[in-house]
N, C-alpha and C. Protein backbone atom coordinates (compact mmCIF):
# COMPACT_ATOMS: atom_id res chain seq x y z
N MET A 1 -43.26 34.82 19.36
CA MET A 1 -41.92 34.40 19.66
C MET A 1 -41.54 33.13 18.91
N ASP A 2 -42.47 32.16 18.87
CA ASP A 2 -42.22 30.92 18.16
C ASP A 2 -42.01 31.18 16.67
N ASN A 3 -42.78 32.12 16.13
CA ASN A 3 -42.65 32.44 14.71
C ASN A 3 -41.27 33.02 14.41
N ILE A 4 -40.75 33.87 15.29
CA ILE A 4 -39.43 34.47 15.10
C ILE A 4 -38.35 33.39 15.14
N LEU A 5 -38.45 32.49 16.12
CA LEU A 5 -37.48 31.40 16.22
C LEU A 5 -37.54 30.47 15.00
N HIS A 6 -38.75 30.22 14.54
CA HIS A 6 -38.90 29.36 13.37
C HIS A 6 -38.27 30.00 12.13
N ASN A 7 -38.52 31.29 11.93
CA ASN A 7 -37.92 32.00 10.78
C ASN A 7 -36.39 32.03 10.89
N LEU A 8 -35.88 32.24 12.10
CA LEU A 8 -34.44 32.23 12.31
C LEU A 8 -33.84 30.85 11.98
N PHE A 9 -34.52 29.79 12.42
CA PHE A 9 -34.08 28.44 12.12
C PHE A 9 -34.06 28.17 10.62
N LEU A 10 -35.11 28.59 9.90
CA LEU A 10 -35.18 28.39 8.45
C LEU A 10 -34.07 29.16 7.74
N ARG A 11 -33.80 30.41 8.17
CA ARG A 11 -32.73 31.19 7.56
C ARG A 11 -31.36 30.52 7.77
N THR A 12 -31.14 29.99 8.96
CA THR A 12 -29.88 29.31 9.26
C THR A 12 -29.72 28.08 8.39
N GLN A 13 -30.80 27.33 8.22
CA GLN A 13 -30.74 26.14 7.37
C GLN A 13 -30.46 26.52 5.92
N ASN A 14 -31.11 27.57 5.43
CA ASN A 14 -30.89 27.99 4.05
C ASN A 14 -29.45 28.47 3.84
N LYS A 15 -28.91 29.20 4.82
CA LYS A 15 -27.51 29.65 4.70
C LYS A 15 -26.56 28.46 4.65
N GLU A 16 -26.82 27.45 5.48
CA GLU A 16 -25.98 26.25 5.48
C GLU A 16 -26.07 25.52 4.14
N ARG A 17 -27.28 25.43 3.58
CA ARG A 17 -27.46 24.77 2.29
C ARG A 17 -26.72 25.53 1.19
N VAL A 18 -26.80 26.86 1.20
CA VAL A 18 -26.10 27.67 0.20
C VAL A 18 -24.59 27.53 0.38
N ARG A 19 -24.11 27.54 1.62
CA ARG A 19 -22.68 27.40 1.87
C ARG A 19 -22.17 26.06 1.37
N ARG A 20 -22.91 24.98 1.60
CA ARG A 20 -22.50 23.66 1.12
C ARG A 20 -22.46 23.59 -0.40
N SER A 21 -23.47 24.16 -1.05
CA SER A 21 -23.48 24.10 -2.51
C SER A 21 -22.33 24.93 -3.09
N GLN A 22 -22.02 26.09 -2.46
CA GLN A 22 -20.88 26.88 -2.93
C GLN A 22 -19.58 26.13 -2.73
N HIS A 23 -19.45 25.43 -1.61
CA HIS A 23 -18.24 24.64 -1.36
C HIS A 23 -18.10 23.53 -2.39
N ASP A 24 -19.21 22.86 -2.74
CA ASP A 24 -19.15 21.79 -3.74
C ASP A 24 -18.74 22.33 -5.10
N GLU A 25 -19.26 23.53 -5.45
CA GLU A 25 -18.88 24.13 -6.72
C GLU A 25 -17.40 24.49 -6.73
N LEU A 26 -16.88 25.02 -5.61
CA LEU A 26 -15.47 25.35 -5.54
C LEU A 26 -14.61 24.10 -5.64
N ALA A 27 -15.06 23.02 -5.03
CA ALA A 27 -14.28 21.78 -5.07
C ALA A 27 -14.20 21.25 -6.49
N VAL A 28 -15.26 21.43 -7.27
CA VAL A 28 -15.22 20.96 -8.65
C VAL A 28 -14.30 21.85 -9.48
N GLN A 29 -14.32 23.16 -9.24
CA GLN A 29 -13.52 24.07 -10.04
C GLN A 29 -12.05 24.06 -9.64
N HIS A 30 -11.72 23.73 -8.40
CA HIS A 30 -10.35 23.78 -7.93
C HIS A 30 -9.92 22.39 -7.44
N PRO A 31 -9.16 21.65 -8.26
CA PRO A 31 -8.79 20.29 -7.86
C PRO A 31 -7.89 20.25 -6.64
N ARG A 32 -7.20 21.32 -6.32
CA ARG A 32 -6.30 21.29 -5.16
C ARG A 32 -7.08 21.20 -3.85
N SER A 33 -8.35 21.56 -3.88
CA SER A 33 -9.13 21.48 -2.66
C SER A 33 -9.41 20.02 -2.27
N HIS A 34 -9.19 19.08 -3.19
CA HIS A 34 -9.37 17.67 -2.87
C HIS A 34 -8.15 17.09 -2.17
N GLY A 35 -7.04 17.81 -2.13
CA GLY A 35 -5.84 17.35 -1.44
C GLY A 35 -5.26 16.09 -2.06
N ILE A 36 -5.06 15.08 -1.24
CA ILE A 36 -4.39 13.86 -1.68
C ILE A 36 -5.24 13.06 -2.66
N ARG A 37 -6.57 13.22 -2.62
CA ARG A 37 -7.43 12.45 -3.50
C ARG A 37 -7.13 12.74 -4.97
N SER A 38 -6.86 14.00 -5.30
CA SER A 38 -6.57 14.32 -6.69
C SER A 38 -5.21 13.76 -7.11
N PHE A 39 -4.32 13.48 -6.15
CA PHE A 39 -3.05 12.87 -6.48
C PHE A 39 -3.20 11.36 -6.65
N ILE A 40 -3.97 10.72 -5.76
CA ILE A 40 -4.14 9.27 -5.83
C ILE A 40 -4.98 8.87 -7.02
N GLU A 41 -6.03 9.61 -7.30
CA GLU A 41 -6.90 9.31 -8.41
C GLU A 41 -6.72 10.40 -9.47
N PRO A 42 -5.64 10.33 -10.26
CA PRO A 42 -5.34 11.42 -11.18
C PRO A 42 -6.28 11.50 -12.38
N ASN A 43 -7.11 10.50 -12.59
CA ASN A 43 -7.96 10.49 -13.77
C ASN A 43 -9.31 11.15 -13.52
N ILE A 44 -9.41 12.00 -12.52
CA ILE A 44 -10.60 12.79 -12.30
C ILE A 44 -10.38 14.12 -13.02
N ALA A 45 -11.29 14.44 -13.93
CA ALA A 45 -11.16 15.68 -14.68
C ALA A 45 -11.94 16.78 -13.99
N PHE A 46 -11.39 17.97 -13.92
CA PHE A 46 -12.06 19.11 -13.36
C PHE A 46 -12.19 20.12 -14.49
N GLN A 47 -13.31 20.02 -15.21
CA GLN A 47 -13.51 20.88 -16.38
C GLN A 47 -14.81 21.64 -16.17
N GLY A 48 -14.69 22.89 -15.84
CA GLY A 48 -15.88 23.71 -15.64
C GLY A 48 -16.70 23.20 -14.47
N ASP A 49 -17.98 22.97 -14.74
CA ASP A 49 -18.88 22.49 -13.69
C ASP A 49 -18.99 20.98 -13.68
N HIS A 50 -18.22 20.28 -14.51
CA HIS A 50 -18.35 18.83 -14.61
C HIS A 50 -17.11 18.15 -14.01
N ALA A 51 -17.33 17.21 -13.12
CA ALA A 51 -16.23 16.40 -12.59
C ALA A 51 -16.55 14.95 -12.88
N GLY A 52 -15.63 14.24 -13.48
CA GLY A 52 -15.86 12.84 -13.78
C GLY A 52 -14.63 12.23 -14.38
N PRO A 53 -14.72 10.98 -14.82
CA PRO A 53 -13.56 10.33 -15.42
C PRO A 53 -13.13 11.04 -16.70
N ILE A 54 -11.85 11.05 -16.97
CA ILE A 54 -11.34 11.63 -18.20
C ILE A 54 -11.83 10.79 -19.36
N GLN A 55 -12.39 11.42 -20.33
CA GLN A 55 -12.84 10.70 -21.52
C GLN A 55 -11.69 10.65 -22.50
N GLY A 56 -11.26 9.47 -22.84
CA GLY A 56 -10.13 9.33 -23.73
C GLY A 56 -10.11 7.97 -24.35
N ALA A 57 -9.01 7.66 -24.98
CA ALA A 57 -8.89 6.40 -25.68
C ALA A 57 -8.32 5.33 -24.77
N GLY A 58 -8.62 4.11 -25.10
CA GLY A 58 -7.96 2.97 -24.48
C GLY A 58 -8.36 2.73 -23.04
N ASP A 59 -7.38 2.41 -22.24
CA ASP A 59 -7.63 1.96 -20.88
C ASP A 59 -7.76 3.10 -19.88
N VAL A 60 -7.78 4.34 -20.32
CA VAL A 60 -7.85 5.46 -19.39
C VAL A 60 -9.28 5.59 -18.86
N GLN A 61 -10.27 5.33 -19.71
CA GLN A 61 -11.65 5.52 -19.29
C GLN A 61 -12.03 4.48 -18.24
N GLY A 62 -12.67 4.90 -17.19
CA GLY A 62 -13.14 3.99 -16.16
C GLY A 62 -12.09 3.59 -15.15
N THR A 63 -11.06 4.39 -14.96
CA THR A 63 -10.01 4.00 -14.03
C THR A 63 -10.22 4.56 -12.63
N VAL A 64 -11.34 5.21 -12.37
CA VAL A 64 -11.61 5.70 -11.04
C VAL A 64 -11.98 4.50 -10.18
N ARG A 65 -11.32 4.36 -9.04
CA ARG A 65 -11.52 3.19 -8.19
C ARG A 65 -12.86 3.26 -7.49
N PRO A 66 -13.69 2.22 -7.65
CA PRO A 66 -14.94 2.17 -6.89
C PRO A 66 -14.63 2.00 -5.40
N HIS A 67 -15.52 2.46 -4.55
CA HIS A 67 -15.27 2.43 -3.12
C HIS A 67 -15.33 1.03 -2.53
N HIS A 68 -16.02 0.11 -3.18
CA HIS A 68 -16.14 -1.24 -2.64
C HIS A 68 -14.96 -2.14 -3.00
N VAL A 69 -14.02 -1.66 -3.80
CA VAL A 69 -12.87 -2.45 -4.23
C VAL A 69 -11.63 -1.94 -3.49
N SER A 70 -10.83 -2.86 -2.93
CA SER A 70 -9.61 -2.43 -2.26
C SER A 70 -8.61 -1.91 -3.29
N TRP A 71 -7.66 -1.11 -2.84
CA TRP A 71 -6.70 -0.52 -3.78
C TRP A 71 -5.82 -1.58 -4.42
N LYS A 72 -5.53 -2.68 -3.70
CA LYS A 72 -4.71 -3.74 -4.29
C LYS A 72 -5.45 -4.43 -5.42
N GLU A 73 -6.74 -4.75 -5.19
CA GLU A 73 -7.54 -5.38 -6.24
C GLU A 73 -7.68 -4.46 -7.44
N TRP A 74 -7.84 -3.17 -7.17
CA TRP A 74 -8.00 -2.21 -8.26
C TRP A 74 -6.74 -2.14 -9.12
N ILE A 75 -5.56 -2.13 -8.48
CA ILE A 75 -4.31 -2.07 -9.23
C ILE A 75 -4.14 -3.33 -10.07
N VAL A 76 -4.45 -4.49 -9.50
CA VAL A 76 -4.32 -5.74 -10.25
C VAL A 76 -5.27 -5.74 -11.43
N ARG A 77 -6.51 -5.28 -11.25
CA ARG A 77 -7.46 -5.23 -12.36
C ARG A 77 -6.98 -4.29 -13.46
N GLU A 78 -6.43 -3.15 -13.06
CA GLU A 78 -5.93 -2.21 -14.05
C GLU A 78 -4.73 -2.79 -14.81
N MET A 79 -3.88 -3.51 -14.13
CA MET A 79 -2.73 -4.13 -14.78
C MET A 79 -3.15 -5.26 -15.71
N GLU A 80 -4.26 -5.95 -15.40
CA GLU A 80 -4.76 -6.98 -16.30
C GLU A 80 -5.21 -6.39 -17.62
N LYS A 81 -5.77 -5.19 -17.57
CA LYS A 81 -6.23 -4.51 -18.79
C LYS A 81 -5.09 -3.89 -19.58
N ALA A 82 -3.95 -3.66 -18.93
CA ALA A 82 -2.85 -2.93 -19.55
C ALA A 82 -2.12 -3.80 -20.59
N THR A 83 -1.41 -3.14 -21.46
CA THR A 83 -0.63 -3.84 -22.48
C THR A 83 0.57 -4.51 -21.81
N PRO A 84 1.15 -5.52 -22.45
CA PRO A 84 2.34 -6.16 -21.88
C PRO A 84 3.49 -5.18 -21.64
N ALA A 85 3.65 -4.20 -22.51
CA ALA A 85 4.73 -3.22 -22.32
C ALA A 85 4.51 -2.41 -21.05
N LYS A 86 3.28 -1.99 -20.83
CA LYS A 86 2.98 -1.22 -19.62
C LYS A 86 3.16 -2.09 -18.38
N GLN A 87 2.75 -3.35 -18.46
CA GLN A 87 2.94 -4.27 -17.33
C GLN A 87 4.42 -4.44 -17.02
N MET A 88 5.25 -4.53 -18.07
CA MET A 88 6.69 -4.70 -17.85
C MET A 88 7.31 -3.45 -17.23
N VAL A 89 6.87 -2.28 -17.65
CA VAL A 89 7.41 -1.05 -17.09
C VAL A 89 7.01 -0.92 -15.62
N VAL A 90 5.74 -1.14 -15.32
CA VAL A 90 5.27 -1.04 -13.94
C VAL A 90 5.95 -2.09 -13.06
N GLY A 91 6.02 -3.32 -13.55
CA GLY A 91 6.66 -4.38 -12.79
C GLY A 91 8.14 -4.13 -12.57
N GLY A 92 8.83 -3.69 -13.61
CA GLY A 92 10.26 -3.43 -13.50
C GLY A 92 10.57 -2.29 -12.54
N MET A 93 9.81 -1.21 -12.64
CA MET A 93 10.06 -0.06 -11.75
C MET A 93 9.72 -0.39 -10.30
N SER A 94 8.60 -1.06 -10.08
CA SER A 94 8.25 -1.40 -8.69
C SER A 94 9.22 -2.44 -8.14
N GLY A 95 9.68 -3.37 -8.98
CA GLY A 95 10.67 -4.34 -8.54
C GLY A 95 11.99 -3.68 -8.21
N TRP A 96 12.41 -2.74 -9.04
CA TRP A 96 13.67 -2.03 -8.79
C TRP A 96 13.60 -1.27 -7.46
N ALA A 97 12.48 -0.56 -7.24
CA ALA A 97 12.33 0.20 -5.99
C ALA A 97 12.30 -0.74 -4.78
N SER A 98 11.60 -1.85 -4.91
CA SER A 98 11.54 -2.81 -3.80
C SER A 98 12.91 -3.41 -3.52
N GLY A 99 13.61 -3.80 -4.56
CA GLY A 99 14.94 -4.39 -4.38
C GLY A 99 15.92 -3.41 -3.77
N TYR A 100 15.88 -2.18 -4.23
CA TYR A 100 16.79 -1.15 -3.71
C TYR A 100 16.52 -0.92 -2.23
N MET A 101 15.23 -0.81 -1.86
CA MET A 101 14.90 -0.58 -0.46
C MET A 101 15.25 -1.79 0.40
N CYS A 102 15.02 -3.00 -0.11
CA CYS A 102 15.39 -4.20 0.65
C CYS A 102 16.89 -4.24 0.90
N ALA A 103 17.67 -3.87 -0.09
CA ALA A 103 19.12 -3.89 0.08
C ALA A 103 19.55 -2.88 1.14
N LYS A 104 19.01 -1.68 1.09
CA LYS A 104 19.40 -0.65 2.05
C LYS A 104 18.91 -0.98 3.46
N VAL A 105 17.65 -1.36 3.58
CA VAL A 105 17.10 -1.68 4.90
C VAL A 105 17.74 -2.96 5.43
N GLY A 106 17.98 -3.93 4.56
CA GLY A 106 18.61 -5.18 4.98
C GLY A 106 20.01 -4.97 5.51
N ARG A 107 20.74 -4.08 4.88
CA ARG A 107 22.10 -3.79 5.33
C ARG A 107 22.08 -3.16 6.73
N VAL A 108 21.20 -2.21 6.95
CA VAL A 108 21.09 -1.57 8.26
C VAL A 108 20.62 -2.58 9.31
N ALA A 109 19.65 -3.42 8.94
CA ALA A 109 19.15 -4.42 9.89
C ALA A 109 20.23 -5.43 10.24
N ALA A 110 21.02 -5.84 9.26
CA ALA A 110 22.10 -6.80 9.53
C ALA A 110 23.14 -6.20 10.48
N ILE A 111 23.47 -4.94 10.27
CA ILE A 111 24.44 -4.28 11.15
C ILE A 111 23.87 -4.17 12.56
N ALA A 112 22.60 -3.81 12.68
CA ALA A 112 21.98 -3.66 14.01
C ALA A 112 21.89 -4.99 14.73
N VAL A 113 21.45 -6.04 14.05
CA VAL A 113 21.33 -7.35 14.69
C VAL A 113 22.71 -7.90 15.04
N GLY A 114 23.65 -7.81 14.11
CA GLY A 114 25.00 -8.30 14.38
C GLY A 114 25.66 -7.56 15.53
N GLY A 115 25.50 -6.25 15.55
CA GLY A 115 26.09 -5.46 16.64
C GLY A 115 25.47 -5.79 17.99
N SER A 116 24.15 -5.99 18.01
CA SER A 116 23.51 -6.32 19.29
C SER A 116 23.91 -7.71 19.77
N ILE A 117 24.09 -8.66 18.86
CA ILE A 117 24.55 -10.00 19.26
C ILE A 117 25.95 -9.92 19.85
N ILE A 118 26.83 -9.15 19.23
CA ILE A 118 28.19 -8.99 19.75
C ILE A 118 28.16 -8.33 21.13
N LEU A 119 27.33 -7.29 21.30
CA LEU A 119 27.24 -6.63 22.60
C LEU A 119 26.70 -7.57 23.68
N VAL A 120 25.71 -8.38 23.36
CA VAL A 120 25.17 -9.32 24.34
C VAL A 120 26.23 -10.36 24.70
N GLN A 121 26.97 -10.86 23.73
CA GLN A 121 28.02 -11.84 24.02
C GLN A 121 29.12 -11.24 24.90
N VAL A 122 29.49 -10.01 24.64
CA VAL A 122 30.49 -9.35 25.48
C VAL A 122 29.95 -9.18 26.89
N ALA A 123 28.68 -8.79 27.03
CA ALA A 123 28.08 -8.62 28.35
C ALA A 123 28.01 -9.94 29.10
N ILE A 124 27.70 -11.03 28.41
CA ILE A 124 27.67 -12.35 29.05
C ILE A 124 29.08 -12.75 29.48
N TYR A 125 30.06 -12.54 28.62
CA TYR A 125 31.44 -12.92 28.91
C TYR A 125 31.99 -12.13 30.10
N GLN A 126 31.63 -10.86 30.19
CA GLN A 126 32.12 -10.02 31.29
C GLN A 126 31.35 -10.25 32.59
N GLY A 127 30.25 -10.98 32.53
CA GLY A 127 29.48 -11.28 33.73
C GLY A 127 28.41 -10.26 34.06
N PHE A 128 28.12 -9.34 33.17
CA PHE A 128 27.07 -8.35 33.40
C PHE A 128 25.68 -8.98 33.29
N VAL A 129 25.56 -10.04 32.47
CA VAL A 129 24.28 -10.68 32.20
C VAL A 129 24.40 -12.16 32.53
N GLN A 130 23.40 -12.69 33.25
CA GLN A 130 23.32 -14.12 33.53
C GLN A 130 22.19 -14.70 32.69
N VAL A 131 22.47 -15.78 31.97
CA VAL A 131 21.49 -16.39 31.08
C VAL A 131 21.10 -17.76 31.64
N ASN A 132 19.79 -17.99 31.74
CA ASN A 132 19.26 -19.30 32.12
C ASN A 132 19.09 -20.09 30.82
N TRP A 133 20.09 -20.87 30.44
CA TRP A 133 20.12 -21.52 29.14
C TRP A 133 19.02 -22.56 28.99
N THR A 134 18.67 -23.30 30.03
CA THR A 134 17.61 -24.31 29.90
C THR A 134 16.26 -23.65 29.65
N ARG A 135 15.98 -22.57 30.33
CA ARG A 135 14.72 -21.85 30.11
C ARG A 135 14.69 -21.26 28.70
N LEU A 136 15.80 -20.70 28.25
CA LEU A 136 15.89 -20.13 26.90
C LEU A 136 15.67 -21.19 25.84
N GLU A 137 16.29 -22.36 26.01
CA GLU A 137 16.12 -23.44 25.03
C GLU A 137 14.68 -23.93 24.99
N ARG A 138 14.03 -24.02 26.16
CA ARG A 138 12.64 -24.46 26.22
C ARG A 138 11.73 -23.47 25.48
N ARG A 139 11.93 -22.19 25.73
CA ARG A 139 11.13 -21.16 25.05
C ARG A 139 11.37 -21.18 23.53
N LEU A 140 12.60 -21.33 23.13
CA LEU A 140 12.91 -21.38 21.70
C LEU A 140 12.26 -22.59 21.04
N GLU A 141 12.26 -23.72 21.73
CA GLU A 141 11.64 -24.94 21.19
C GLU A 141 10.13 -24.76 21.04
N ASP A 142 9.48 -24.16 22.03
CA ASP A 142 8.05 -23.89 21.94
C ASP A 142 7.73 -22.96 20.78
N THR A 143 8.52 -21.92 20.65
CA THR A 143 8.32 -20.97 19.56
C THR A 143 8.54 -21.62 18.21
N ARG A 144 9.59 -22.44 18.08
CA ARG A 144 9.86 -23.13 16.82
C ARG A 144 8.71 -24.05 16.45
N ARG A 145 8.15 -24.76 17.42
CA ARG A 145 7.04 -25.67 17.17
C ARG A 145 5.80 -24.91 16.67
N LYS A 146 5.49 -23.76 17.30
CA LYS A 146 4.33 -22.97 16.89
C LYS A 146 4.51 -22.42 15.48
N ILE A 147 5.72 -21.97 15.18
CA ILE A 147 5.99 -21.44 13.84
C ILE A 147 5.85 -22.54 12.80
N ASN A 148 6.35 -23.72 13.07
CA ASN A 148 6.24 -24.84 12.14
C ASN A 148 4.79 -25.22 11.89
N GLU A 149 3.97 -25.24 12.94
CA GLU A 149 2.56 -25.58 12.77
C GLU A 149 1.85 -24.56 11.89
N GLN A 150 2.06 -23.27 12.15
CA GLN A 150 1.41 -22.23 11.37
C GLN A 150 1.92 -22.21 9.94
N THR A 151 3.19 -22.44 9.75
CA THR A 151 3.77 -22.42 8.40
C THR A 151 3.24 -23.58 7.58
N LEU A 152 3.18 -24.76 8.16
CA LEU A 152 2.69 -25.92 7.42
C LEU A 152 1.22 -25.79 7.07
N ASP A 153 0.44 -25.07 7.89
CA ASP A 153 -0.96 -24.86 7.57
C ASP A 153 -1.15 -23.88 6.43
N ASN A 154 -0.35 -22.81 6.38
CA ASN A 154 -0.54 -21.73 5.41
C ASN A 154 0.32 -21.84 4.16
N LEU A 155 1.38 -22.61 4.20
CA LEU A 155 2.32 -22.65 3.09
C LEU A 155 1.71 -23.15 1.78
N PRO A 156 0.95 -24.25 1.76
CA PRO A 156 0.38 -24.69 0.47
C PRO A 156 -0.54 -23.65 -0.16
N THR A 157 -1.34 -22.98 0.64
CA THR A 157 -2.25 -21.97 0.12
C THR A 157 -1.46 -20.78 -0.44
N LEU A 158 -0.45 -20.34 0.28
CA LEU A 158 0.36 -19.21 -0.18
C LEU A 158 1.09 -19.55 -1.46
N ALA A 159 1.68 -20.75 -1.51
CA ALA A 159 2.42 -21.16 -2.71
C ALA A 159 1.49 -21.26 -3.91
N GLU A 160 0.30 -21.79 -3.71
CA GLU A 160 -0.66 -21.91 -4.82
C GLU A 160 -1.12 -20.53 -5.29
N ASN A 161 -1.36 -19.61 -4.37
CA ASN A 161 -1.76 -18.25 -4.76
C ASN A 161 -0.65 -17.55 -5.54
N LEU A 162 0.60 -17.70 -5.09
CA LEU A 162 1.72 -17.09 -5.81
C LEU A 162 1.89 -17.69 -7.20
N ARG A 163 1.75 -18.99 -7.30
CA ARG A 163 1.88 -19.66 -8.60
C ARG A 163 0.79 -19.20 -9.56
N GLU A 164 -0.44 -19.09 -9.07
CA GLU A 164 -1.55 -18.65 -9.91
C GLU A 164 -1.37 -17.19 -10.34
N PHE A 165 -0.91 -16.33 -9.42
CA PHE A 165 -0.68 -14.93 -9.77
C PHE A 165 0.41 -14.81 -10.83
N ALA A 166 1.50 -15.56 -10.66
CA ALA A 166 2.61 -15.51 -11.63
C ALA A 166 2.17 -16.03 -12.99
N ARG A 167 1.30 -17.04 -13.00
CA ARG A 167 0.82 -17.58 -14.27
C ARG A 167 -0.09 -16.58 -14.99
N ARG A 168 -0.96 -15.92 -14.24
CA ARG A 168 -1.91 -14.99 -14.85
C ARG A 168 -1.26 -13.66 -15.23
N HIS A 169 -0.22 -13.26 -14.52
CA HIS A 169 0.44 -11.97 -14.76
C HIS A 169 1.92 -12.20 -15.06
N PHE A 170 2.17 -12.88 -16.13
CA PHE A 170 3.53 -13.31 -16.48
C PHE A 170 4.48 -12.12 -16.67
N PHE A 171 4.06 -11.13 -17.46
CA PHE A 171 4.93 -9.99 -17.75
C PHE A 171 5.20 -9.16 -16.50
N LEU A 172 4.17 -8.94 -15.71
CA LEU A 172 4.31 -8.14 -14.50
C LEU A 172 5.25 -8.84 -13.51
N THR A 173 5.06 -10.15 -13.31
CA THR A 173 5.87 -10.90 -12.35
C THR A 173 7.33 -11.01 -12.81
N GLY A 174 7.51 -11.33 -14.09
CA GLY A 174 8.88 -11.48 -14.60
C GLY A 174 9.67 -10.18 -14.54
N SER A 175 9.04 -9.08 -14.93
CA SER A 175 9.75 -7.80 -14.89
C SER A 175 9.95 -7.34 -13.44
N PHE A 176 9.02 -7.68 -12.54
CA PHE A 176 9.21 -7.33 -11.13
C PHE A 176 10.44 -8.04 -10.58
N LEU A 177 10.57 -9.34 -10.86
CA LEU A 177 11.72 -10.08 -10.35
C LEU A 177 13.03 -9.56 -10.93
N ALA A 178 13.03 -9.26 -12.23
CA ALA A 178 14.25 -8.72 -12.85
C ALA A 178 14.61 -7.37 -12.22
N GLY A 179 13.61 -6.50 -12.07
CA GLY A 179 13.85 -5.20 -11.44
C GLY A 179 14.28 -5.33 -9.99
N PHE A 180 13.72 -6.31 -9.28
CA PHE A 180 14.11 -6.52 -7.89
C PHE A 180 15.58 -6.89 -7.78
N PHE A 181 16.04 -7.82 -8.63
CA PHE A 181 17.45 -8.22 -8.56
C PHE A 181 18.38 -7.09 -8.99
N ILE A 182 17.97 -6.29 -9.95
CA ILE A 182 18.79 -5.16 -10.36
C ILE A 182 18.86 -4.13 -9.23
N GLY A 183 17.71 -3.82 -8.61
CA GLY A 183 17.69 -2.88 -7.49
C GLY A 183 18.46 -3.38 -6.29
N PHE A 184 18.41 -4.69 -6.04
CA PHE A 184 19.11 -5.27 -4.90
C PHE A 184 20.62 -5.21 -5.12
N ALA A 185 21.05 -5.32 -6.38
CA ALA A 185 22.47 -5.30 -6.68
C ALA A 185 23.08 -3.90 -6.60
N MET A 186 22.25 -2.88 -6.66
CA MET A 186 22.78 -1.50 -6.65
C MET A 186 23.25 -1.08 -5.30
């Protein structure tokens, strides 16, 4: 009986091993089986039985993101290697998209905040809402003090990091700002 169970266990393990190897081969042959990964990391080549970085000229080779590097660091490293023209295109397009979205979201947020302030004022005037003004002022003062303390602690570090980034990535930063203002104006 033990021998039969042992043979059954070995057959099950072998079937699982064969199924996994067949799945791995299918994944290499069919890039769609990787789902979003093949979209995020487009420089993975699926050629026959070999999967790896696309072999080509220039900055294309070695663009697969290592797992120990965050995606933000990886993008910055790739932009450092890129030509100034590519940096300007990427910066301009991302700036334009950011500016456009800020303008649209900002407009909706301004309408929502303004409308809610008007509704609260009408409710106060009509007597639907009673406001304890001394308690509100005390809470606002405490909150303002906490924000000032945190801002003064972090502001020099943030400003220095932004200045250093802008100095090291002049083309990317300049084109991002130009694209942002153009997108915001649309």
